[in-house]
């Protein structure tokens, strides 16, 4: 018999920042601070911050592929 896992354990250490932290970083960049100096203390990689700013997709913090089926 195989037992179902009791609790999901995240395997990746990526994407350790929160939505509020990312919004804070966006605001700092908009006020004129450099992307590199904003990302370091918040532990957000510079490349991630640049990509999110460029595509303006701050509201969807997902890792991996897009789902095949709708959320319905």
PDB file of N, CA and C in Angstrom:
ATOM      1  N   UNK A   1       0.828  -1.190   0.000  1.00  0.00           N
ATOM      2  CA  UNK A   1       0.000   0.000   0.000  1.00  0.00           C
ATOM      3  C   UNK A   1       0.872   1.253   0.000  1.00  0.00           C
ATOM      4  N   UNK A   2       0.377   2.264  -0.690  1.00  0.00           N
ATOM      5  CA  UNK A   2       1.054   3.552  -0.689  1.00  0.00           C
ATOM      6  C   UNK A   2       0.221   4.543   0.106  1.00  0.00           C
ATOM      7  N   UNK A   3       0.855   5.192   1.022  1.00  0.00           N
ATOM      8  CA  UNK A   3       0.162   6.197   1.825  1.00  0.00           C
ATOM      9  C   UNK A   3       0.205   7.542   1.121  1.00  0.00           C
ATOM     10  N   UNK A   4      -0.879   8.267   1.240  1.00  0.00           N
ATOM     11  CA  UNK A   4      -0.920   9.614   0.689  1.00  0.00           C
ATOM     12  C   UNK A   4      -0.056  10.518   1.569  1.00  0.00           C
ATOM     13  N   UNK A   5       0.619  11.473   0.966  1.00  0.00           N
ATOM     14  CA  UNK A   5       1.426  12.375   1.794  1.00  0.00           C
ATOM     15  C   UNK A   5       0.531  13.222   2.689  1.00  0.00           C
ATOM     16  N   UNK A   6       0.977  13.440   3.892  1.00  0.00           N
ATOM     17  CA  UNK A   6       0.176  14.192   4.849  1.00  0.00           C
ATOM     18  C   UNK A   6       0.227  15.688   4.590  1.00  0.00           C
ATOM     19  N   UNK A   7       1.359  16.165   4.128  1.00  0.00           N
ATOM     20  CA  UNK A   7       1.513  17.598   3.934  1.00  0.00           C
ATOM     21  C   UNK A   7       2.477  17.830   2.782  1.00  0.00           C
ATOM     22  N   UNK A   8       2.171  18.815   1.962  1.00  0.00           N
ATOM     23  CA  UNK A   8       3.040  19.137   0.837  1.00  0.00           C
ATOM     24  C   UNK A   8       4.309  19.801   1.351  1.00  0.00           C
ATOM     25  N   UNK A   9       5.436  19.291   0.920  1.00  0.00           N
ATOM     26  CA  UNK A   9       6.719  19.873   1.281  1.00  0.00           C
ATOM     27  C   UNK A   9       7.328  20.466   0.028  1.00  0.00           C
ATOM     28  N   UNK A  10       7.550  21.737   0.049  1.00  0.00           N
ATOM     29  CA  UNK A  10       8.096  22.421  -1.111  1.00  0.00           C
ATOM     30  C   UNK A  10       9.537  21.980  -1.341  1.00  0.00           C
ATOM     31  N   UNK A  11       9.847  21.640  -2.588  1.00  0.00           N
ATOM     32  CA  UNK A  11      11.163  21.113  -2.902  1.00  0.00           C
ATOM     33  C   UNK A  11      12.119  22.182  -3.389  1.00  0.00           C
ATOM     34  N   UNK A  12      11.603  23.319  -3.780  1.00  0.00           N
ATOM     35  CA  UNK A  12      12.436  24.357  -4.370  1.00  0.00           C
ATOM     36  C   UNK A  12      12.622  25.513  -3.402  1.00  0.00           C
ATOM     37  N   UNK A  13      13.808  26.077  -3.423  1.00  0.00           N
ATOM     38  CA  UNK A  13      14.078  27.261  -2.614  1.00  0.00           C
ATOM     39  C   UNK A  13      13.882  28.534  -3.430  1.00  0.00           C
ATOM     40  N   UNK A  14      13.433  28.395  -4.674  1.00  0.00           N
ATOM     41  CA  UNK A  14      13.207  29.556  -5.516  1.00  0.00           C
ATOM     42  C   UNK A  14      11.929  30.267  -5.081  1.00  0.00           C
ATOM     43  N   UNK A  15      11.807  31.495  -5.506  1.00  0.00           N
ATOM     44  CA  UNK A  15      10.603  32.289  -5.265  1.00  0.00           C
ATOM     45  C   UNK A  15      10.297  32.414  -3.771  1.00  0.00           C
ATOM     46  N   UNK A  16      11.282  32.830  -3.013  1.00  0.00           N
ATOM     47  CA  UNK A  16      11.125  32.949  -1.567  1.00  0.00           C
ATOM     48  C   UNK A  16      10.537  34.294  -1.138  1.00  0.00           C
ATOM     49  N   UNK A  17      10.262  35.189  -2.074  1.00  0.00           N
ATOM     50  CA  UNK A  17       9.749  36.505  -1.719  1.00  0.00           C
ATOM     51  C   UNK A  17       8.234  36.510  -1.782  1.00  0.00           C
ATOM     52  N   UNK A  18       7.644  37.453  -1.122  1.00  0.00           N
ATOM     53  CA  UNK A  18       6.190  37.573  -1.065  1.00  0.00           C
ATOM     54  C   UNK A  18       5.709  38.627  -2.056  1.00  0.00           C
ATOM     55  N   UNK A  19       4.426  38.624  -2.312  1.00  0.00           N
ATOM     56  CA  UNK A  19       3.818  39.608  -3.211  1.00  0.00           C
ATOM     57  C   UNK A  19       4.052  41.024  -2.687  1.00  0.00           C
ATOM     58  N   UNK A  20       3.918  41.207  -1.384  1.00  0.00           N
ATOM     59  CA  UNK A  20       4.110  42.541  -0.804  1.00  0.00           C
ATOM     60  C   UNK A  20       5.552  43.016  -0.975  1.00  0.00           C
ATOM     61  N   UNK A  21       6.505  42.091  -0.877  1.00  0.00           N
ATOM     62  CA  UNK A  21       7.907  42.443  -1.065  1.00  0.00           C
ATOM     63  C   UNK A  21       8.164  42.868  -2.496  1.00  0.00           C
ATOM     64  N   UNK A  22       7.552  42.166  -3.441  1.00  0.00           N
ATOM     65  CA  UNK A  22       7.724  42.506  -4.849  1.00  0.00           C
ATOM     66  C   UNK A  22       7.104  43.873  -5.150  1.00  0.00           C
ATOM     67  N   UNK A  23       5.946  44.153  -4.574  1.00  0.00           N
ATOM     68  CA  UNK A  23       5.311  45.460  -4.764  1.00  0.00           C
ATOM     69  C   UNK A  23       6.174  46.578  -4.175  1.00  0.00           C
ATOM     70  N   UNK A  24       6.786  46.293  -3.039  1.00  0.00           N
ATOM     71  CA  UNK A  24       7.685  47.260  -2.407  1.00  0.00           C
ATOM     72  C   UNK A  24       8.886  47.548  -3.314  1.00  0.00           C
ATOM     73  N   UNK A  25       9.409  46.508  -3.940  1.00  0.00           N
ATOM     74  CA  UNK A  25      10.538  46.676  -4.859  1.00  0.00           C
ATOM     75  C   UNK A  25      10.125  47.486  -6.083  1.00  0.00           C
ATOM     76  N   UNK A  26       8.944  47.216  -6.621  1.00  0.00           N
ATOM     77  CA  UNK A  26       8.447  47.976  -7.778  1.00  0.00           C
ATOM     78  C   UNK A  26       8.325  49.461  -7.438  1.00  0.00           C
ATOM     79  N   UNK A  27       7.796  49.742  -6.254  1.00  0.00           N
ATOM     80  CA  UNK A  27       7.627  51.136  -5.842  1.00  0.00           C
ATOM     81  C   UNK A  27       8.980  51.832  -5.719  1.00  0.00           C
ATOM     82  N   UNK A  28       9.963  51.130  -5.173  1.00  0.00           N
ATOM     83  CA  UNK A  28      11.292  51.721  -5.015  1.00  0.00           C
ATOM     84  C   UNK A  28      11.926  52.022  -6.365  1.00  0.00           C
ATOM     85  N   UNK A  29      11.736  51.138  -7.334  1.00  0.00           N
ATOM     86  CA  UNK A  29      12.288  51.367  -8.672  1.00  0.00           C
ATOM     87  C   UNK A  29      11.568  52.533  -9.336  1.00  0.00           C
ATOM     88  N   UNK A  30      10.272  52.628  -9.136  1.00  0.00           N
ATOM     89  CA  UNK A  30       9.509  53.744  -9.720  1.00  0.00           C
ATOM     90  C   UNK A  30       9.952  55.093  -9.149  1.00  0.00           C
ATOM     91  N   UNK A  31      10.386  55.089  -7.878  1.00  0.00           N
ATOM     92  CA  UNK A  31      10.847  56.329  -7.256  1.00  0.00           C
ATOM     93  C   UNK A  31      12.282  56.670  -7.624  1.00  0.00           C
ATOM     94  N   UNK A  32      12.909  55.862  -8.493  1.00  0.00           N
ATOM     95  CA  UNK A  32      14.220  56.227  -9.002  1.00  0.00           C
ATOM     96  C   UNK A  32      15.391  55.414  -8.498  1.00  0.00           C
ATOM     97  N   UNK A  33      15.153  54.461  -7.608  1.00  0.00           N
ATOM     98  CA  UNK A  33      16.267  53.631  -7.150  1.00  0.00           C
ATOM     99  C   UNK A  33      16.629  52.609  -8.214  1.00  0.00           C
ATOM    100  N   UNK A  34      17.843  52.126  -8.173  1.00  0.00           N
ATOM    101  CA  UNK A  34      18.317  51.164  -9.165  1.00  0.00           C
ATOM    102  C   UNK A  34      17.802  49.769  -8.839  1.00  0.00           C
ATOM    103  N   UNK A  35      17.573  48.988  -9.889  1.00  0.00           N
ATOM    104  CA  UNK A  35      17.034  47.635  -9.723  1.00  0.00           C
ATOM    105  C   UNK A  35      17.984  46.786  -8.893  1.00  0.00           C
ATOM    106  N   UNK A  36      19.262  46.915  -9.142  1.00  0.00           N
ATOM    107  CA  UNK A  36      20.250  46.100  -8.429  1.00  0.00           C
ATOM    108  C   UNK A  36      20.259  46.401  -6.934  1.00  0.00           C
ATOM    109  N   UNK A  37      20.197  47.680  -6.574  1.00  0.00           N
ATOM    110  CA  UNK A  37      20.245  48.029  -5.152  1.00  0.00           C
ATOM    111  C   UNK A  37      18.921  47.744  -4.450  1.00  0.00           C
ATOM    112  N   UNK A  38      17.843  47.660  -5.191  1.00  0.00           N
ATOM    113  CA  UNK A  38      16.541  47.331  -4.594  1.00  0.00           C
ATOM    114  C   UNK A  38      16.437  45.831  -4.334  1.00  0.00           C
ATOM    115  N   UNK A  39      16.910  45.030  -5.270  1.00  0.00           N
ATOM    116  CA  UNK A  39      16.738  43.583  -5.179  1.00  0.00           C
ATOM    117  C   UNK A  39      17.571  42.908  -4.117  1.00  0.00           C
ATOM    118  N   UNK A  40      18.780  43.392  -3.897  1.00  0.00           N
ATOM    119  CA  UNK A  40      19.688  42.721  -2.956  1.00  0.00           C
ATOM    120  C   UNK A  40      19.147  42.606  -1.533  1.00  0.00           C
ATOM    121  N   UNK A  41      18.763  43.713  -0.888  1.00  0.00           N
ATOM    122  CA  UNK A  41      18.296  43.564   0.501  1.00  0.00           C
ATOM    123  C   UNK A  41      16.981  42.790   0.628  1.00  0.00           C
ATOM    124  N   UNK A  42      16.197  42.738  -0.435  1.00  0.00           N
ATOM    125  CA  UNK A  42      14.921  42.021  -0.383  1.00  0.00           C
ATOM    126  C   UNK A  42      15.045  40.570  -0.845  1.00  0.00           C
ATOM    127  N   UNK A  43      16.261  40.152  -1.212  1.00  0.00           N
ATOM    128  CA  UNK A  43      16.533  38.786  -1.692  1.00  0.00           C
ATOM    129  C   UNK A  43      15.735  38.436  -2.938  1.00  0.00           C
ATOM    130  N   UNK A  44      15.571  39.403  -3.822  1.00  0.00           N
ATOM    131  CA  UNK A  44      14.930  39.167  -5.114  1.00  0.00           C
ATOM    132  C   UNK A  44      16.018  39.281  -6.169  1.00  0.00           C
ATOM    133  N   UNK A  45      16.215  38.242  -6.987  1.00  0.00           N
ATOM    134  CA  UNK A  45      17.251  38.322  -8.014  1.00  0.00           C
ATOM    135  C   UNK A  45      17.004  39.490  -8.961  1.00  0.00           C
ATOM    136  N   UNK A  46      18.094  40.105  -9.384  1.00  0.00           N
ATOM    137  CA  UNK A  46      18.003  41.264 -10.270  1.00  0.00           C
ATOM    138  C   UNK A  46      17.286  40.908 -11.563  1.00  0.00           C
ATOM    139  N   UNK A  47      17.595  39.737 -12.119  1.00  0.00           N
ATOM    140  CA  UNK A  47      16.974  39.335 -13.386  1.00  0.00           C
ATOM    141  C   UNK A  47      15.470  39.148 -13.231  1.00  0.00           C
ATOM    142  N   UNK A  48      15.049  38.583 -12.116  1.00  0.00           N
ATOM    143  CA  UNK A  48      13.619  38.392 -11.874  1.00  0.00           C
ATOM    144  C   UNK A  48      12.914  39.735 -11.766  1.00  0.00           C
ATOM    145  N   UNK A  49      13.519  40.639 -11.040  1.00  0.00           N
ATOM    146  CA  UNK A  49      12.919  41.954 -10.854  1.00  0.00           C
ATOM    147  C   UNK A  49      12.815  42.694 -12.184  1.00  0.00           C
ATOM    148  N   UNK A  50      13.863  42.615 -12.991  1.00  0.00           N
ATOM    149  CA  UNK A  50      13.835  43.264 -14.308  1.00  0.00           C
ATOM    150  C   UNK A  50      12.760  42.651 -15.198  1.00  0.00           C
ATOM    151  N   UNK A  51      12.669  41.320 -15.211  1.00  0.00           N
ATOM    152  CA  UNK A  51      11.667  40.656 -16.049  1.00  0.00           C
ATOM    153  C   UNK A  51      10.252  41.004 -15.610  1.00  0.00           C
ATOM    154  N   UNK A  52       9.998  41.034 -14.314  1.00  0.00           N
ATOM    155  CA  UNK A  52       8.663  41.364 -13.811  1.00  0.00           C
ATOM    156  C   UNK A  52       8.310  42.816 -14.122  1.00  0.00           C
ATOM    157  N   UNK A  53       9.297  43.704 -14.025  1.00  0.00           N
ATOM    158  CA  UNK A  53       9.049  45.106 -14.359  1.00  0.00           C
ATOM    159  C   UNK A  53       8.780  45.271 -15.849  1.00  0.00           C
ATOM    160  N   UNK A  54       9.524  44.529 -16.659  1.00  0.00           N
ATOM    161  CA  UNK A  54       9.388  44.654 -18.111  1.00  0.00           C
ATOM    162  C   UNK A  54       8.037  44.129 -18.587  1.00  0.00           C
ATOM    163  N   UNK A  55       7.622  42.981 -18.068  1.00  0.00           N
ATOM    164  CA  UNK A  55       6.366  42.380 -18.512  1.00  0.00           C
ATOM    165  C   UNK A  55       5.176  42.884 -17.716  1.00  0.00           C
ATOM    166  N   UNK A  56       5.456  43.564 -16.582  1.00  0.00           N
ATOM    167  CA  UNK A  56       4.402  44.132 -15.739  1.00  0.00           C
ATOM    168  C   UNK A  56       3.430  43.060 -15.264  1.00  0.00           C
ATOM    169  N   UNK A  57       3.966  41.919 -14.855  1.00  0.00           N
ATOM    170  CA  UNK A  57       3.139  40.821 -14.357  1.00  0.00           C
ATOM    171  C   UNK A  57       3.417  40.607 -12.876  1.00  0.00           C
ATOM    172  N   UNK A  58       3.112  41.571 -12.072  1.00  0.00           N
ATOM    173  CA  UNK A  58       3.402  41.456 -10.648  1.00  0.00           C
ATOM    174  C   UNK A  58       2.323  40.688  -9.899  1.00  0.00           C
ATOM    175  N   UNK A  59       1.124  40.618 -10.461  1.00  0.00           N
ATOM    176  CA  UNK A  59       0.019  40.006  -9.725  1.00  0.00           C
ATOM    177  C   UNK A  59       0.002  38.486  -9.818  1.00  0.00           C
ATOM    178  N   UNK A  60       0.782  37.898 -10.706  1.00  0.00           N
ATOM    179  CA  UNK A  60       0.778  36.447 -10.830  1.00  0.00           C
ATOM    180  C   UNK A  60       2.160  35.906 -10.508  1.00  0.00           C
ATOM    181  N   UNK A  61       2.331  35.462  -9.283  1.00  0.00           N
ATOM    182  CA  UNK A  61       3.594  34.874  -8.869  1.00  0.00           C
ATOM    183  C   UNK A  61       3.438  33.363  -8.876  1.00  0.00           C
ATOM    184  N   UNK A  62       3.718  32.760  -9.986  1.00  0.00           N
ATOM    185  CA  UNK A  62       3.613  31.312 -10.110  1.00  0.00           C
ATOM    186  C   UNK A  62       4.911  30.765 -10.652  1.00  0.00           C
ATOM    187  N   UNK A  63       5.212  29.563 -10.250  1.00  0.00           N
ATOM    188  CA  UNK A  63       6.377  28.883 -10.786  1.00  0.00           C
ATOM    189  C   UNK A  63       5.890  27.751 -11.681  1.00  0.00           C
ATOM    190  N   UNK A  64       6.685  27.389 -12.636  1.00  0.00           N
ATOM    191  CA  UNK A  64       6.351  26.247 -13.479  1.00  0.00           C
ATOM    192  C   UNK A  64       5.495  26.615 -14.666  1.00  0.00           C
ATOM    193  N   UNK A  65       4.939  25.586 -15.256  1.00  0.00           N
ATOM    194  CA  UNK A  65       4.149  25.769 -16.467  1.00  0.00           C
ATOM    195  C   UNK A  65       2.752  26.284 -16.160  1.00  0.00           C
ATOM    196  N   UNK A  66       2.105  26.773 -17.197  1.00  0.00           N
ATOM    197  CA  UNK A  66       0.732  27.229 -17.044  1.00  0.00           C
ATOM    198  C   UNK A  66      -0.186  26.014 -17.004  1.00  0.00           C
ATOM    199  N   UNK A  67      -1.308  26.078 -16.263  1.00  0.00           N
ATOM    200  CA  UNK A  67      -2.224  24.942 -16.203  1.00  0.00           C
ATOM    201  C   UNK A  67      -2.902  24.708 -17.549  1.00  0.00           C
ATOM    202  N   UNK A  68      -3.174  23.440 -17.838  1.00  0.00           N
ATOM    203  CA  UNK A  68      -3.798  23.067 -19.099  1.00  0.00           C
ATOM    204  C   UNK A  68      -5.294  23.354 -19.055  1.00  0.00           C
ATOM    205  N   UNK A  69      -5.912  23.071 -17.919  1.00  0.00           N
ATOM    206  CA  UNK A  69      -7.353  23.229 -17.786  1.00  0.00           C
ATOM    207  C   UNK A  69      -7.686  24.556 -17.125  1.00  0.00           C
ATOM    208  N   UNK A  70      -8.919  25.017 -17.323  1.00  0.00           N
ATOM    209  CA  UNK A  70      -9.383  26.242 -16.682  1.00  0.00           C
ATOM    210  C   UNK A  70      -9.515  26.031 -15.186  1.00  0.00           C
ATOM    211  N   UNK A  71      -9.673  27.126 -14.453  1.00  0.00           N
ATOM    212  CA  UNK A  71      -9.850  27.030 -13.006  1.00  0.00           C
ATOM    213  C   UNK A  71     -11.263  26.619 -12.623  1.00  0.00           C
ATOM    214  N   UNK A  72     -12.157  26.542 -13.588  1.00  0.00           N
ATOM    215  CA  UNK A  72     -13.558  26.201 -13.316  1.00  0.00           C
ATOM    216  C   UNK A  72     -13.714  24.765 -12.912  1.00  0.00           C
TER     217      UNK A  72
END
